[in-house]
Amino acid sequence: LPCCVRSFSCIMGLKETVEKLFAELDKDKSGKISCAELKAALQSYSAEPLDDSHVKAFFDKLDSNKDGELSLDELMALF
């Protein structure tokens, strides 16, 4: 396969993966991820309690339009 076809296929696979991750994080199915939803997801991978200020700082870096919620596009920008 030409390189561009392989790259496109890889990108599309990544997009689907991020969409699935977004759906899992969006517990209330609002179409946005709140800081609380992100913290709950991150906490599920940590044996120690997460510091709220660290989670908020991470969330704020992802929240590019500063509306207090993460959109799929904002999450996609991580990848």
PDB file of N, CA and C in Angstrom:
ATOM      1  N   LEU A   1       0.832  -1.196   0.000  1.00  0.00           N
ATOM      2  CA  LEU A   1       0.000   0.000   0.000  1.00  0.00           C
ATOM      3  C   LEU A   1       0.870   1.251   0.000  1.00  0.00           C
ATOM      4  N   PRO A   2       0.425   2.267  -0.714  1.00  0.00           N
ATOM      5  CA  PRO A   2       1.168   3.535  -0.660  1.00  0.00           C
ATOM      6  C   PRO A   2       1.166   4.097   0.760  1.00  0.00           C
ATOM      7  N   CYS A   3       2.205   4.815   1.068  1.00  0.00           N
ATOM      8  CA  CYS A   3       2.373   5.378   2.413  1.00  0.00           C
ATOM      9  C   CYS A   3       1.168   6.203   2.846  1.00  0.00           C
ATOM     10  N   CYS A   4       0.623   7.034   1.941  1.00  0.00           N
ATOM     11  CA  CYS A   4      -0.501   7.897   2.324  1.00  0.00           C
ATOM     12  C   CYS A   4      -1.738   7.077   2.673  1.00  0.00           C
ATOM     13  N   VAL A   5      -1.938   5.941   2.016  1.00  0.00           N
ATOM     14  CA  VAL A   5      -3.088   5.086   2.320  1.00  0.00           C
ATOM     15  C   VAL A   5      -2.913   4.454   3.694  1.00  0.00           C
ATOM     16  N   ARG A   6      -1.705   3.989   3.974  1.00  0.00           N
ATOM     17  CA  ARG A   6      -1.440   3.412   5.299  1.00  0.00           C
ATOM     18  C   ARG A   6      -1.615   4.456   6.386  1.00  0.00           C
ATOM     19  N   SER A   7      -1.121   5.657   6.161  1.00  0.00           N
ATOM     20  CA  SER A   7      -1.256   6.729   7.149  1.00  0.00           C
ATOM     21  C   SER A   7      -2.716   7.071   7.384  1.00  0.00           C
ATOM     22  N   PHE A   8      -3.484   7.166   6.310  1.00  0.00           N
ATOM     23  CA  PHE A   8      -4.910   7.474   6.430  1.00  0.00           C
ATOM     24  C   PHE A   8      -5.612   6.393   7.238  1.00  0.00           C
ATOM     25  N   SER A   9      -5.291   5.147   6.952  1.00  0.00           N
ATOM     26  CA  SER A   9      -5.889   4.025   7.675  1.00  0.00           C
ATOM     27  C   SER A   9      -5.530   4.091   9.155  1.00  0.00           C
ATOM     28  N   CYS A  10      -4.300   4.412   9.456  1.00  0.00           N
ATOM     29  CA  CYS A  10      -3.855   4.523  10.847  1.00  0.00           C
ATOM     30  C   CYS A  10      -4.586   5.659  11.552  1.00  0.00           C
ATOM     31  N   ILE A  11      -4.703   6.800  10.873  1.00  0.00           N
ATOM     32  CA  ILE A  11      -5.396   7.951  11.458  1.00  0.00           C
ATOM     33  C   ILE A  11      -6.856   7.623  11.716  1.00  0.00           C
ATOM     34  N   MET A  12      -7.506   6.951  10.784  1.00  0.00           N
ATOM     35  CA  MET A  12      -8.918   6.602  10.958  1.00  0.00           C
ATOM     36  C   MET A  12      -9.090   5.637  12.123  1.00  0.00           C
ATOM     37  N   GLY A  13      -8.166   4.701  12.283  1.00  0.00           N
ATOM     38  CA  GLY A  13      -8.221   3.785  13.421  1.00  0.00           C
ATOM     39  C   GLY A  13      -8.050   4.527  14.733  1.00  0.00           C
ATOM     40  N   LEU A  14      -7.150   5.493  14.754  1.00  0.00           N
ATOM     41  CA  LEU A  14      -6.933   6.301  15.949  1.00  0.00           C
ATOM     42  C   LEU A  14      -8.178   7.120  16.260  1.00  0.00           C
ATOM     43  N   LYS A  15      -8.787   7.688  15.236  1.00  0.00           N
ATOM     44  CA  LYS A  15      -9.996   8.493  15.427  1.00  0.00           C
ATOM     45  C   LYS A  15     -11.097   7.653  16.070  1.00  0.00           C
ATOM     46  N   GLU A  16     -11.282   6.443  15.577  1.00  0.00           N
ATOM     47  CA  GLU A  16     -12.302   5.552  16.149  1.00  0.00           C
ATOM     48  C   GLU A  16     -11.980   5.220  17.605  1.00  0.00           C
ATOM     49  N   THR A  17     -10.717   4.994  17.901  1.00  0.00           N
ATOM     50  CA  THR A  17     -10.305   4.686  19.269  1.00  0.00           C
ATOM     51  C   THR A  17     -10.585   5.863  20.200  1.00  0.00           C
ATOM     52  N   VAL A  18     -10.255   7.074  19.757  1.00  0.00           N
ATOM     53  CA  VAL A  18     -10.491   8.263  20.580  1.00  0.00           C
ATOM     54  C   VAL A  18     -11.988   8.496  20.753  1.00  0.00           C
ATOM     55  N   GLU A  19     -12.772   8.238  19.709  1.00  0.00           N
ATOM     56  CA  GLU A  19     -14.230   8.376  19.827  1.00  0.00           C
ATOM     57  C   GLU A  19     -14.787   7.407  20.866  1.00  0.00           C
ATOM     58  N   LYS A  20     -14.271   6.191  20.893  1.00  0.00           N
ATOM     59  CA  LYS A  20     -14.710   5.211  21.894  1.00  0.00           C
ATOM     60  C   LYS A  20     -14.299   5.651  23.296  1.00  0.00           C
ATOM     61  N   LEU A  21     -13.076   6.155  23.428  1.00  0.00           N
ATOM     62  CA  LEU A  21     -12.605   6.661  24.718  1.00  0.00           C
ATOM     63  C   LEU A  21     -13.491   7.810  25.184  1.00  0.00           C
ATOM     64  N   PHE A  22     -13.799   8.726  24.281  1.00  0.00           N
ATOM     65  CA  PHE A  22     -14.649   9.869  24.614  1.00  0.00           C
ATOM     66  C   PHE A  22     -16.006   9.386  25.123  1.00  0.00           C
ATOM     67  N   ALA A  23     -16.595   8.416  24.430  1.00  0.00           N
ATOM     68  CA  ALA A  23     -17.902   7.888  24.833  1.00  0.00           C
ATOM     69  C   ALA A  23     -17.840   7.265  26.225  1.00  0.00           C
ATOM     70  N   GLU A  24     -16.731   6.595  26.539  1.00  0.00           N
ATOM     71  CA  GLU A  24     -16.573   6.005  27.874  1.00  0.00           C
ATOM     72  C   GLU A  24     -16.421   7.076  28.949  1.00  0.00           C
ATOM     73  N   LEU A  25     -15.680   8.130  28.644  1.00  0.00           N
ATOM     74  CA  LEU A  25     -15.452   9.196  29.623  1.00  0.00           C
ATOM     75  C   LEU A  25     -16.700  10.036  29.856  1.00  0.00           C
ATOM     76  N   ASP A  26     -17.516  10.186  28.831  1.00  0.00           N
ATOM     77  CA  ASP A  26     -18.725  11.017  28.893  1.00  0.00           C
ATOM     78  C   ASP A  26     -19.849  10.231  29.567  1.00  0.00           C
ATOM     79  N   LYS A  27     -19.739  10.076  30.875  1.00  0.00           N
ATOM     80  CA  LYS A  27     -20.668   9.225  31.634  1.00  0.00           C
ATOM     81  C   LYS A  27     -22.118   9.688  31.553  1.00  0.00           C
ATOM     82  N   ASP A  28     -22.346  11.003  31.518  1.00  0.00           N
ATOM     83  CA  ASP A  28     -23.729  11.497  31.481  1.00  0.00           C
ATOM     84  C   ASP A  28     -24.263  11.661  30.055  1.00  0.00           C
ATOM     85  N   LYS A  29     -23.439  11.278  29.076  1.00  0.00           N
ATOM     86  CA  LYS A  29     -23.829  11.307  27.653  1.00  0.00           C
ATOM     87  C   LYS A  29     -24.272  12.698  27.203  1.00  0.00           C
ATOM     88  N   SER A  30     -23.588  13.731  27.721  1.00  0.00           N
ATOM     89  CA  SER A  30     -23.910  15.114  27.372  1.00  0.00           C
ATOM     90  C   SER A  30     -23.227  15.568  26.086  1.00  0.00           C
ATOM     91  N   GLY A  31     -22.291  14.764  25.595  1.00  0.00           N
ATOM     92  CA  GLY A  31     -21.525  15.167  24.423  1.00  0.00           C
ATOM     93  C   GLY A  31     -20.299  15.980  24.794  1.00  0.00           C
ATOM     94  N   LYS A  32     -20.057  16.126  26.086  1.00  0.00           N
ATOM     95  CA  LYS A  32     -18.890  16.846  26.614  1.00  0.00           C
ATOM     96  C   LYS A  32     -18.361  16.071  27.816  1.00  0.00           C
ATOM     97  N   ILE A  33     -17.102  16.273  28.133  1.00  0.00           N
ATOM     98  CA  ILE A  33     -16.500  15.642  29.306  1.00  0.00           C
ATOM     99  C   ILE A  33     -16.236  16.730  30.340  1.00  0.00           C
ATOM    100  N   SER A  34     -16.769  16.534  31.527  1.00  0.00           N
ATOM    101  CA  SER A  34     -16.543  17.487  32.620  1.00  0.00           C
ATOM    102  C   SER A  34     -15.231  17.144  33.324  1.00  0.00           C
ATOM    103  N   CYS A  35     -14.771  18.067  34.130  1.00  0.00           N
ATOM    104  CA  CYS A  35     -13.570  17.821  34.921  1.00  0.00           C
ATOM    105  C   CYS A  35     -13.801  16.638  35.869  1.00  0.00           C
ATOM    106  N   ALA A  36     -14.994  16.543  36.431  1.00  0.00           N
ATOM    107  CA  ALA A  36     -15.321  15.433  37.340  1.00  0.00           C
ATOM    108  C   ALA A  36     -15.283  14.095  36.605  1.00  0.00           C
ATOM    109  N   GLU A  37     -15.783  14.060  35.374  1.00  0.00           N
ATOM    110  CA  GLU A  37     -15.750  12.820  34.589  1.00  0.00           C
ATOM    111  C   GLU A  37     -14.313  12.428  34.270  1.00  0.00           C
ATOM    112  N   LEU A  38     -13.491  13.412  33.924  1.00  0.00           N
ATOM    113  CA  LEU A  38     -12.083  13.125  33.643  1.00  0.00           C
ATOM    114  C   LEU A  38     -11.388  12.619  34.899  1.00  0.00           C
ATOM    115  N   LYS A  39     -11.648  13.265  36.030  1.00  0.00           N
ATOM    116  CA  LYS A  39     -11.011  12.843  37.284  1.00  0.00           C
ATOM    117  C   LYS A  39     -11.416  11.418  37.644  1.00  0.00           C
ATOM    118  N   ALA A  40     -12.687  11.090  37.496  1.00  0.00           N
ATOM    119  CA  ALA A  40     -13.149   9.732  37.815  1.00  0.00           C
ATOM    120  C   ALA A  40     -12.430   8.702  36.952  1.00  0.00           C
ATOM    121  N   ALA A  41     -12.260   9.018  35.676  1.00  0.00           N
ATOM    122  CA  ALA A  41     -11.568   8.092  34.779  1.00  0.00           C
ATOM    123  C   ALA A  41     -10.104   7.951  35.167  1.00  0.00           C
ATOM    124  N   LEU A  42      -9.438   9.064  35.417  1.00  0.00           N
ATOM    125  CA  LEU A  42      -8.029   9.014  35.809  1.00  0.00           C
ATOM    126  C   LEU A  42      -7.858   8.308  37.146  1.00  0.00           C
ATOM    127  N   GLN A  43      -8.773   8.559  38.086  1.00  0.00           N
ATOM    128  CA  GLN A  43      -8.690   7.945  39.412  1.00  0.00           C
ATOM    129  C   GLN A  43      -8.801   6.433  39.329  1.00  0.00           C
ATOM    130  N   SER A  44      -9.552   5.939  38.357  1.00  0.00           N
ATOM    131  CA  SER A  44      -9.722   4.488  38.223  1.00  0.00           C
ATOM    132  C   SER A  44      -8.405   3.786  37.875  1.00  0.00           C
ATOM    133  N   TYR A  45      -7.407   4.549  37.414  1.00  0.00           N
ATOM    134  CA  TYR A  45      -6.100   3.979  37.074  1.00  0.00           C
ATOM    135  C   TYR A  45      -5.041   4.259  38.135  1.00  0.00           C
ATOM    136  N   SER A  46      -5.434   4.893  39.226  1.00  0.00           N
ATOM    137  CA  SER A  46      -4.464   5.271  40.252  1.00  0.00           C
ATOM    138  C   SER A  46      -4.836   4.658  41.597  1.00  0.00           C
ATOM    139  N   ALA A  47      -3.843   4.084  42.261  1.00  0.00           N
ATOM    140  CA  ALA A  47      -4.081   3.522  43.594  1.00  0.00           C
ATOM    141  C   ALA A  47      -4.153   4.627  44.645  1.00  0.00           C
ATOM    142  N   GLU A  48      -3.517   5.750  44.367  1.00  0.00           N
ATOM    143  CA  GLU A  48      -3.489   6.886  45.286  1.00  0.00           C
ATOM    144  C   GLU A  48      -4.543   7.911  44.879  1.00  0.00           C
ATOM    145  N   PRO A  49      -5.102   8.630  45.849  1.00  0.00           N
ATOM    146  CA  PRO A  49      -6.048   9.701  45.498  1.00  0.00           C
ATOM    147  C   PRO A  49      -5.354  10.766  44.645  1.00  0.00           C
ATOM    148  N   LEU A  50      -6.048  11.238  43.638  1.00  0.00           N
ATOM    149  CA  LEU A  50      -5.497  12.279  42.775  1.00  0.00           C
ATOM    150  C   LEU A  50      -5.741  13.650  43.382  1.00  0.00           C
ATOM    151  N   ASP A  51      -4.773  14.509  43.233  1.00  0.00           N
ATOM    152  CA  ASP A  51      -4.881  15.879  43.719  1.00  0.00           C
ATOM    153  C   ASP A  51      -5.785  16.670  42.768  1.00  0.00           C
ATOM    154  N   ASP A  52      -6.830  17.274  43.321  1.00  0.00           N
ATOM    155  CA  ASP A  52      -7.787  18.026  42.500  1.00  0.00           C
ATOM    156  C   ASP A  52      -7.112  19.110  41.669  1.00  0.00           C
ATOM    157  N   SER A  53      -6.135  19.788  42.248  1.00  0.00           N
ATOM    158  CA  SER A  53      -5.488  20.885  41.519  1.00  0.00           C
ATOM    159  C   SER A  53      -4.693  20.376  40.324  1.00  0.00           C
ATOM    160  N   HIS A  54      -4.104  19.185  40.441  1.00  0.00           N
ATOM    161  CA  HIS A  54      -3.369  18.605  39.315  1.00  0.00           C
ATOM    162  C   HIS A  54      -4.328  18.189  38.204  1.00  0.00           C
ATOM    163  N   VAL A  55      -5.436  17.580  38.588  1.00  0.00           N
ATOM    164  CA  VAL A  55      -6.436  17.173  37.593  1.00  0.00           C
ATOM    165  C   VAL A  55      -6.994  18.408  36.894  1.00  0.00           C
ATOM    166  N   LYS A  56      -7.305  19.444  37.665  1.00  0.00           N
ATOM    167  CA  LYS A  56      -7.855  20.678  37.089  1.00  0.00           C
ATOM    168  C   LYS A  56      -6.855  21.334  36.142  1.00  0.00           C
ATOM    169  N   ALA A  57      -5.589  21.350  36.503  1.00  0.00           N
ATOM    170  CA  ALA A  57      -4.557  21.933  35.642  1.00  0.00           C
ATOM    171  C   ALA A  57      -4.456  21.164  34.326  1.00  0.00           C
ATOM    172  N   PHE A  58      -4.502  19.830  34.394  1.00  0.00           N
ATOM    173  CA  PHE A  58      -4.477  18.993  33.191  1.00  0.00           C
ATOM    174  C   PHE A  58      -5.718  19.262  32.350  1.00  0.00           C
ATOM    175  N   PHE A  59      -6.875  19.286  32.999  1.00  0.00           N
ATOM    176  CA  PHE A  59      -8.138  19.554  32.308  1.00  0.00           C
ATOM    177  C   PHE A  59      -8.083  20.911  31.603  1.00  0.00           C
ATOM    178  N   ASP A  60      -7.597  21.918  32.302  1.00  0.00           N
ATOM    179  CA  ASP A  60      -7.534  23.268  31.736  1.00  0.00           C
ATOM    180  C   ASP A  60      -6.622  23.337  30.511  1.00  0.00           C
ATOM    181  N   LYS A  61      -5.552  22.545  30.502  1.00  0.00           N
ATOM    182  CA  LYS A  61      -4.674  22.502  29.328  1.00  0.00           C
ATOM    183  C   LYS A  61      -5.396  21.885  28.126  1.00  0.00           C
ATOM    184  N   LEU A  62      -6.248  20.909  28.378  1.00  0.00           N
ATOM    185  CA  LEU A  62      -6.990  20.265  27.290  1.00  0.00           C
ATOM    186  C   LEU A  62      -8.151  21.124  26.800  1.00  0.00           C
ATOM    187  N   ASP A  63      -8.719  21.909  27.697  1.00  0.00           N
ATOM    188  CA  ASP A  63      -9.907  22.718  27.397  1.00  0.00           C
ATOM    189  C   ASP A  63      -9.492  23.980  26.632  1.00  0.00           C
ATOM    190  N   SER A  64      -9.236  23.819  25.342  1.00  0.00           N
ATOM    191  CA  SER A  64      -8.651  24.908  24.556  1.00  0.00           C
ATOM    192  C   SER A  64      -9.572  26.114  24.393  1.00  0.00           C
ATOM    193  N   ASN A  65     -10.884  25.899  24.395  1.00  0.00           N
ATOM    194  CA  ASN A  65     -11.795  27.045  24.253  1.00  0.00           C
ATOM    195  C   ASN A  65     -12.263  27.595  25.602  1.00  0.00           C
ATOM    196  N   LYS A  66     -11.775  26.987  26.682  1.00  0.00           N
ATOM    197  CA  LYS A  66     -12.019  27.457  28.056  1.00  0.00           C
ATOM    198  C   LYS A  66     -13.505  27.555  28.415  1.00  0.00           C
ATOM    199  N   ASP A  67     -14.295  26.579  27.915  1.00  0.00           N
ATOM    200  CA  ASP A  67     -15.727  26.577  28.252  1.00  0.00           C
ATOM    201  C   ASP A  67     -16.047  25.690  29.449  1.00  0.00           C
ATOM    202  N   GLY A  68     -15.019  25.085  30.050  1.00  0.00           N
ATOM    203  CA  GLY A  68     -15.225  24.252  31.229  1.00  0.00           C
ATOM    204  C   GLY A  68     -15.641  22.829  30.919  1.00  0.00           C
ATOM    205  N   GLU A  69     -15.592  22.456  29.644  1.00  0.00           N
ATOM    206  CA  GLU A  69     -15.932  21.098  29.218  1.00  0.00           C
ATOM    207  C   GLU A  69     -14.983  20.704  28.090  1.00  0.00           C
ATOM    208  N   LEU A  70     -14.776  19.394  27.950  1.00  0.00           N
ATOM    209  CA  LEU A  70     -13.949  18.906  26.853  1.00  0.00           C
ATOM    210  C   LEU A  70     -14.832  18.350  25.750  1.00  0.00           C
ATOM    211  N   SER A  71     -14.576  18.799  24.546  1.00  0.00           N
ATOM    212  CA  SER A  71     -15.269  18.270  23.377  1.00  0.00           C
ATOM    213  C   SER A  71     -14.449  17.118  22.797  1.00  0.00           C
ATOM    214  N   LEU A  72     -15.038  16.402  21.869  1.00  0.00           N
ATOM    215  CA  LEU A  72     -14.307  15.338  21.182  1.00  0.00           C
ATOM    216  C   LEU A  72     -13.081  15.921  20.487  1.00  0.00           C
ATOM    217  N   ASP A  73     -13.224  17.061  19.845  1.00  0.00           N
ATOM    218  CA  ASP A  73     -12.086  17.683  19.155  1.00  0.00           C
ATOM    219  C   ASP A  73     -10.960  18.030  20.124  1.00  0.00           C
ATOM    220  N   GLU A  74     -11.306  18.508  21.305  1.00  0.00           N
ATOM    221  CA  GLU A  74     -10.275  18.841  22.293  1.00  0.00           C
ATOM    222  C   GLU A  74      -9.562  17.581  22.772  1.00  0.00           C
ATOM    223  N   LEU A  75     -10.293  16.502  22.967  1.00  0.00           N
ATOM    224  CA  LEU A  75      -9.656  15.245  23.354  1.00  0.00           C
ATOM    225  C   LEU A  75      -8.804  14.716  22.205  1.00  0.00           C
ATOM    226  N   MET A  76      -9.304  14.834  20.991  1.00  0.00           N
ATOM    227  CA  MET A  76      -8.588  14.365  19.808  1.00  0.00           C
ATOM    228  C   MET A  76      -7.245  15.090  19.663  1.00  0.00           C
ATOM    229  N   ALA A  77      -7.188  16.341  20.086  1.00  0.00           N
ATOM    230  CA  ALA A  77      -5.953  17.121  19.970  1.00  0.00           C
ATOM    231  C   ALA A  77      -4.810  16.516  20.787  1.00  0.00           C
ATOM    232  N   LEU A  78      -5.133  15.695  21.778  1.00  0.00           N
ATOM    233  CA  LEU A  78      -4.103  15.000  22.559  1.00  0.00           C
ATOM    234  C   LEU A  78      -3.309  14.029  21.704  1.00  0.00           C
ATOM    235  N   PHE A  79      -3.951  13.507  20.687  1.00  0.00           N
ATOM    236  CA  PHE A  79      -3.361  12.451  19.879  1.00  0.00           C
ATOM    237  C   PHE A  79      -2.934  12.974  18.542  1.00  0.00           C
TER     238      PHE A  79
END
